[in-house]
Protein backbone atom coordinates (compact mmCIF):
# COMPACT_ATOMS: atom_id res chain seq x y z
CA UNK A 1 15.12 17.10 44.83
CA UNK A 2 15.71 13.88 42.90
CA UNK A 3 13.11 11.17 42.60
CA UNK A 4 13.92 7.64 43.57
CA UNK A 5 14.49 5.00 40.91
CA UNK A 6 11.21 3.27 41.78
CA UNK A 7 9.21 6.52 41.54
CA UNK A 8 10.86 7.41 38.23
CA UNK A 9 10.04 3.96 36.86
CA UNK A 10 6.41 4.27 37.91
CA UNK A 11 6.09 7.74 36.35
CA UNK A 12 7.65 6.56 33.10
CA UNK A 13 5.37 3.52 33.01
CA UNK A 14 2.31 5.70 33.65
CA UNK A 15 3.29 8.10 30.86
CA UNK A 16 3.83 5.24 28.41
CA UNK A 17 0.47 3.69 29.30
CA UNK A 18 -1.29 7.05 29.00
CA UNK A 19 0.19 7.75 25.57
CA UNK A 20 -0.65 4.22 24.38
CA UNK A 21 -4.24 4.45 25.59
CA UNK A 22 -4.61 7.89 24.00
CA UNK A 23 -3.39 6.59 20.64
CA UNK A 24 -5.74 3.60 20.74
CA UNK A 25 -8.66 5.79 21.83
CA UNK A 26 -7.97 8.26 19.03
CA UNK A 27 -7.84 5.46 16.46
CA UNK A 28 -11.06 3.87 17.76
CA UNK A 29 -12.82 7.25 17.79
CA UNK A 30 -11.69 8.08 14.26
CA UNK A 31 -12.61 4.71 12.77
CA UNK A 32 -15.86 4.51 14.71
CA UNK A 33 -16.94 8.00 13.67
CA UNK A 34 -16.24 7.38 9.97
CA UNK A 35 -17.95 3.98 10.00
CA UNK A 36 -21.02 5.33 11.78
CA UNK A 37 -21.28 8.09 9.19
CA UNK A 38 -20.57 5.90 6.17
CA UNK A 39 -21.81 2.34 6.74
CA UNK A 40 -25.54 3.26 6.53
CA UNK A 41 -24.93 4.41 2.94
CA UNK A 42 -23.31 1.14 1.85
CA UNK A 43 -25.34 -1.14 -0.38
CA UNK A 44 -24.82 -3.40 -3.35
CA UNK A 45 -26.04 -0.66 -5.68
CA UNK A 46 -23.67 1.84 -4.07
CA UNK A 47 -20.65 -0.47 -4.48
CA UNK A 48 -21.45 -1.48 -8.07
CA UNK A 49 -23.38 1.47 -9.52
CA UNK A 50 -21.98 4.26 -11.67
CA UNK A 51 -21.66 7.90 -10.74
CA UNK A 52 -24.36 10.07 -12.32
CA UNK A 53 -23.91 13.83 -12.02
CA UNK A 54 -26.94 15.77 -10.72
CA UNK A 55 -28.72 12.54 -9.77
CA UNK A 56 -28.94 11.28 -6.19
CA UNK A 57 -28.08 7.66 -5.47
CA UNK A 58 -24.83 7.53 -7.42
CA UNK A 59 -22.53 4.56 -6.95
CA UNK A 60 -18.79 4.02 -6.81
CA UNK A 61 -18.52 0.91 -8.98
CA UNK A 62 -16.00 2.37 -11.43
CA UNK A 63 -13.93 3.95 -8.66
CA UNK A 64 -13.86 0.68 -6.69
CA UNK A 65 -12.76 -1.29 -9.74
CA UNK A 66 -10.13 1.35 -10.57
CA UNK A 67 -8.71 1.07 -7.05
CA UNK A 68 -8.47 -2.72 -7.26
CA UNK A 69 -6.97 -2.64 -10.76
CA UNK A 70 -4.51 0.06 -9.72
CA UNK A 71 -3.54 -2.02 -6.70
CA UNK A 72 -2.76 -5.01 -8.93
CA UNK A 73 -0.68 -2.91 -11.33
CA UNK A 74 1.25 -1.22 -8.53
CA UNK A 75 2.03 -4.55 -6.84
CA UNK A 76 3.14 -6.12 -10.13
CA UNK A 77 5.69 -3.30 -10.46
CA UNK A 78 6.68 -2.80 -6.82
CA UNK A 79 6.96 -6.35 -5.48
CA UNK A 80 9.55 -7.77 -7.94
CA UNK A 81 11.71 -4.65 -7.76
CA UNK A 82 11.44 -4.47 -3.97
CA UNK A 83 12.30 -8.15 -3.53
CA UNK A 84 15.32 -7.97 -5.83
CA UNK A 85 16.56 -4.77 -4.17
CA UNK A 86 16.13 -6.29 -0.70
CA UNK A 87 17.94 -9.48 -1.73
CA UNK A 88 20.83 -7.43 -3.07
CA UNK A 89 21.05 -5.33 0.09
CA UNK A 90 20.89 -8.34 2.40
CA UNK A 91 23.05 -10.86 0.55
CA UNK A 92 25.30 -9.13 -1.97
CA UNK A 93 25.94 -5.62 -0.65
CA UNK A 94 29.24 -5.29 1.19
CA UNK A 95 29.75 -2.73 3.96
CA UNK A 96 31.30 0.47 2.67
CA UNK A 97 30.60 3.89 1.30
CA UNK A 98 28.28 2.64 -1.44
CA UNK A 99 26.25 0.64 1.11
CA UNK A 100 25.87 3.74 3.29
CA UNK A 101 24.73 5.86 0.34
CA UNK A 102 22.30 3.16 -0.82
CA UNK A 103 20.72 2.79 2.62
CA UNK A 104 20.40 6.56 3.00
CA UNK A 105 18.84 6.83 -0.46
CA UNK A 106 16.39 4.03 0.31
CA UNK A 107 15.26 5.63 3.56
CA UNK A 108 14.96 9.03 1.89
CA UNK A 109 12.80 7.67 -0.94
CA UNK A 110 10.57 5.80 1.51
CA UNK A 111 9.93 8.99 3.50
CA UNK A 112 9.14 11.26 0.54
CA UNK A 113 5.76 13.02 0.71
CA UNK A 114 3.39 11.47 -1.79
CA UNK A 115 2.51 14.89 -3.19
CA UNK A 116 6.15 15.35 -4.22
CA UNK A 117 6.15 11.96 -5.94
CA UNK A 118 2.92 12.94 -7.66
CA UNK A 119 4.50 16.11 -9.06
CA UNK A 120 7.47 14.06 -10.26
CA UNK A 121 5.09 11.60 -11.93
CA UNK A 122 3.25 14.52 -13.56
CA UNK A 123 6.49 15.78 -15.11
CA UNK A 124 7.85 12.39 -16.16
CA UNK A 125 5.00 9.90 -16.69
CA UNK A 126 2.33 12.37 -17.83
CA UNK A 127 4.10 15.15 -19.71
CA UNK A 128 7.54 13.84 -20.69
CA UNK A 129 6.19 10.53 -22.01
CA UNK A 130 3.08 12.17 -23.53
CA UNK A 131 0.94 9.45 -21.97
CA UNK A 132 -1.41 11.84 -20.28
CA UNK A 133 -3.25 10.71 -17.18
CA UNK A 134 -2.99 6.92 -16.97
CA UNK A 135 -3.25 4.09 -14.49
CA UNK A 136 0.23 2.94 -15.49
CA UNK A 137 1.71 6.36 -14.76
CA UNK A 138 0.08 6.32 -11.33
CA UNK A 139 1.37 2.81 -10.62
CA UNK A 140 4.92 3.79 -11.61
CA UNK A 141 4.76 6.88 -9.41
CA UNK A 142 3.50 4.95 -6.38
CA UNK A 143 6.23 2.35 -6.99
CA UNK A 144 8.76 5.08 -6.18
CA UNK A 145 7.30 5.14 -2.66
CA UNK A 146 6.75 1.40 -2.24
CA UNK A 147 9.91 -0.15 -3.69
CA UNK A 148 12.15 1.28 -0.93
CA UNK A 149 9.70 0.07 1.74
CA UNK A 150 9.55 -3.43 0.28
CA UNK A 151 13.33 -3.46 -0.12
CA UNK A 152 13.82 -2.69 3.56
CA UNK A 153 11.20 -5.27 4.57
CA UNK A 154 12.94 -7.90 2.43
CA UNK A 155 16.36 -6.98 3.77
CA UNK A 156 15.25 -7.17 7.40
CA UNK A 157 13.36 -10.42 6.82
CA UNK A 158 16.34 -12.10 5.17
CA UNK A 159 18.78 -10.91 7.83
CA UNK A 160 16.46 -12.32 10.50
CA UNK A 161 16.77 -15.85 9.07
CA UNK A 162 19.25 -17.91 11.15
CA UNK A 163 22.63 -18.04 9.46
CA UNK A 164 22.83 -21.77 10.19
CA UNK A 165 20.29 -22.42 7.41
CA UNK A 166 22.43 -20.74 4.77
CA UNK A 167 25.61 -22.34 6.08
CA UNK A 168 24.02 -25.78 5.95
CA UNK A 169 22.94 -25.15 2.36
CA UNK A 170 26.43 -24.02 1.36
CA UNK A 171 27.88 -27.05 3.13
CA UNK A 172 25.78 -29.32 0.91
CA UNK A 173 27.20 -27.63 -2.18
CA UNK A 174 24.31 -25.35 -3.07
CA UNK A 175 25.05 -22.13 -4.95
CA UNK A 176 24.27 -18.76 -3.39
CA UNK A 177 21.28 -17.98 -5.60
CA UNK A 178 19.90 -21.48 -5.07
CA UNK A 179 20.24 -20.96 -1.31
CA UNK A 180 18.46 -17.62 -1.48
CA UNK A 181 15.56 -18.91 -3.56
CA UNK A 182 15.02 -22.29 -1.91
CA UNK A 183 16.16 -21.68 1.70
CA UNK A 184 16.18 -18.02 2.73
CA UNK A 185 13.10 -16.72 0.93
CA UNK A 186 10.80 -19.52 2.15
CA UNK A 187 12.07 -19.00 5.70
CA UNK A 188 11.41 -15.24 5.43
CA UNK A 189 8.05 -15.70 3.69
CA UNK A 190 5.80 -14.78 6.68
CA UNK A 191 7.47 -11.39 7.11
CA UNK A 192 7.49 -10.81 3.35
CA UNK A 193 3.78 -11.56 3.02
CA UNK A 194 3.00 -9.22 5.91
CA UNK A 195 5.06 -6.44 4.33
CA UNK A 196 3.42 -6.86 0.92
CA UNK A 197 -0.12 -6.79 2.34
CA UNK A 198 0.59 -3.74 4.48
CA UNK A 199 2.04 -2.05 1.39
CA UNK A 200 -1.12 -3.00 -0.50
CA UNK A 201 -3.18 -1.18 2.12
CA UNK A 202 -1.06 1.92 1.61
CA UNK A 203 -1.45 1.68 -2.18
CA UNK A 204 -5.22 1.25 -1.91
CA UNK A 205 -5.57 4.46 0.09
CA UNK A 206 -3.14 6.59 -1.93
CA UNK A 207 -4.57 9.84 -3.25
CA UNK A 208 -2.07 12.71 -3.55
CA UNK A 209 0.21 11.02 -6.09
CA UNK A 210 -2.73 9.83 -8.21
CA UNK A 211 -4.36 13.23 -8.54
CA UNK A 212 -1.42 14.31 -10.72
CA UNK A 213 -0.83 11.03 -12.56
CA UNK A 214 -4.00 8.94 -12.90
CA UNK A 215 -6.40 11.86 -13.18
CA UNK A 216 -9.77 12.82 -11.75
CA UNK A 217 -12.06 11.24 -14.32
CA UNK A 218 -12.93 7.79 -15.62
CA UNK A 219 -14.04 7.19 -19.23
CA UNK A 220 -17.14 5.18 -19.99
CA UNK A 221 -16.00 1.62 -19.31
CA UNK A 222 -17.16 -1.47 -21.15
CA UNK A 223 -16.71 -4.47 -18.87
CA UNK A 224 -17.36 -6.80 -21.79
CA UNK A 225 -14.47 -5.36 -23.78
CA UNK A 226 -11.36 -7.45 -23.09
CA UNK A 227 -9.21 -5.67 -25.69
CA UNK A 228 -6.51 -4.15 -23.50
CA UNK A 229 -5.70 -1.49 -26.11
CA UNK A 230 -9.26 -0.20 -26.47
CA UNK A 231 -9.93 3.19 -24.82
CA UNK A 232 -13.21 1.85 -23.38
CA UNK A 233 -11.76 -1.43 -22.13
CA UNK A 234 -11.80 -1.83 -18.36
CA UNK A 235 -8.38 -3.53 -18.59
CA UNK A 236 -6.64 -0.70 -20.47
CA UNK A 237 -3.81 0.60 -18.22
CA UNK A 238 -3.29 3.66 -20.44
CA UNK A 239 -6.58 5.32 -19.54
CA UNK A 240 -7.29 7.86 -16.82
CA UNK A 241 -8.86 6.44 -13.68
CA UNK A 242 -10.37 7.94 -10.56
CA UNK A 243 -9.74 5.78 -7.48
CA UNK A 244 -11.72 5.74 -4.25
CA UNK A 245 -9.32 8.01 -2.35
CA UNK A 246 -9.25 10.52 -5.19
CA UNK A 247 -13.03 10.31 -5.40
CA UNK A 248 -13.36 11.38 -1.76
CA UNK A 249 -11.10 14.37 -2.39
CA UNK A 250 -12.99 15.29 -5.55
CA UNK A 251 -16.39 15.10 -3.86
CA UNK A 252 -15.30 17.46 -1.11
CA UNK A 253 -13.70 19.99 -3.48
CA UNK A 254 -15.98 20.10 -6.52
CA UNK A 255 -19.29 19.18 -4.90
CA UNK A 256 -21.19 18.40 -8.11
CA UNK A 257 -23.31 15.59 -6.70
CA UNK A 258 -26.44 16.61 -4.78
CA UNK A 259 -25.79 13.84 -2.24
CA UNK A 260 -22.03 14.33 -2.18
CA UNK A 261 -21.82 14.13 1.63
CA UNK A 262 -23.49 10.73 1.72
CA UNK A 263 -21.38 9.44 -1.18
CA UNK A 264 -18.18 10.75 0.42
CA UNK A 265 -19.03 9.13 3.76
CA UNK A 266 -19.85 5.82 2.08
CA UNK A 267 -16.64 5.94 0.03
CA UNK A 268 -14.62 6.72 3.15
CA UNK A 269 -16.19 3.79 5.00
CA UNK A 270 -15.35 1.52 2.05
CA UNK A 271 -11.73 2.66 2.15
CA UNK A 272 -11.44 2.16 5.90
CA UNK A 273 -12.95 -1.32 5.74
CA UNK A 274 -10.61 -2.27 2.89
CA UNK A 275 -7.51 -1.07 4.78
CA UNK A 276 -8.67 -2.89 7.94
CA UNK A 277 -9.09 -6.07 5.90
CA UNK A 278 -5.57 -5.65 4.50
CA UNK A 279 -4.09 -5.19 7.98
CA UNK A 280 -5.99 -8.09 9.53
CA UNK A 281 -5.16 -10.24 6.52
CA UNK A 282 -1.48 -9.44 6.92
CA UNK A 283 -1.50 -10.61 10.54
CA UNK A 284 -3.52 -13.74 9.75
CA UNK A 285 -1.42 -14.79 6.76
CA UNK A 286 1.81 -14.00 8.58
CA UNK A 287 0.85 -16.27 11.48
CA UNK A 288 -0.47 -18.95 9.12
CA UNK A 289 2.76 -19.06 7.10
CA UNK A 290 4.82 -19.05 10.29
CA UNK A 291 2.92 -22.05 11.63
CA UNK A 292 3.17 -23.92 8.35
CA UNK A 293 6.89 -23.28 7.97
CA UNK A 294 7.87 -23.85 11.60
CA UNK A 295 5.30 -26.53 12.54
CA UNK A 296 4.33 -24.38 15.53
CA UNK A 297 1.07 -25.19 17.27
């Protein structure tokens, strides 16, 4: 017995609504549970203090700074490469066999498990280069995951710009690169900013790749030492660094702190709040740039 078209449509709509509500409920439950467990442990001392083994009340100051510094390094590497790759794919790449291979390679790199990228970084940026565990090695490893994503975001954003804008620029005698820089990129800026901020959220919460490249420890940092080559300098990118996400994993595997559960919950809440800020910031900035560039009310 076949169902009527109207009944089929209603069933499909009900299934879609049920799945959507289940996803939202699961997300709310997960975030709510972690925040309820972790927010009571957040304080200024917790966010700025140092970890002290065998002493309750340890802080995550070094780990929080390492995460922010690692985020800056990773973006400095990923964003230029991703933008240039996306510009090439959108404006210079001609349809053909090479274009097909390049698109397949980009999608494959973007979908690689981070643990695999971490093992690659261990072999190349830790052992082959003899750097050891470093922030720079971690940033280069994470760039392998983020450059393809940013390239696809840039490509899609540039292709979404009306072709009339580029044609008008060419009609006025502008060169192709001048048109890309002064016409297409500003028009695609809202989507690009959104993509970069969402990528930043992914970088901030990365753990698997950093365990093998940036390490599980942080040396004694001197925040008054601005010599970037000093082993104790907080700005030295060639030192090992434990980020927030790695810190959560370490707390739940080694368990050296007497209050490790409280510290892990507080660190998790800090991570969740940071990622939420990144996501909300991406939406806000994307809408703000769109209104500024299109004069929309």
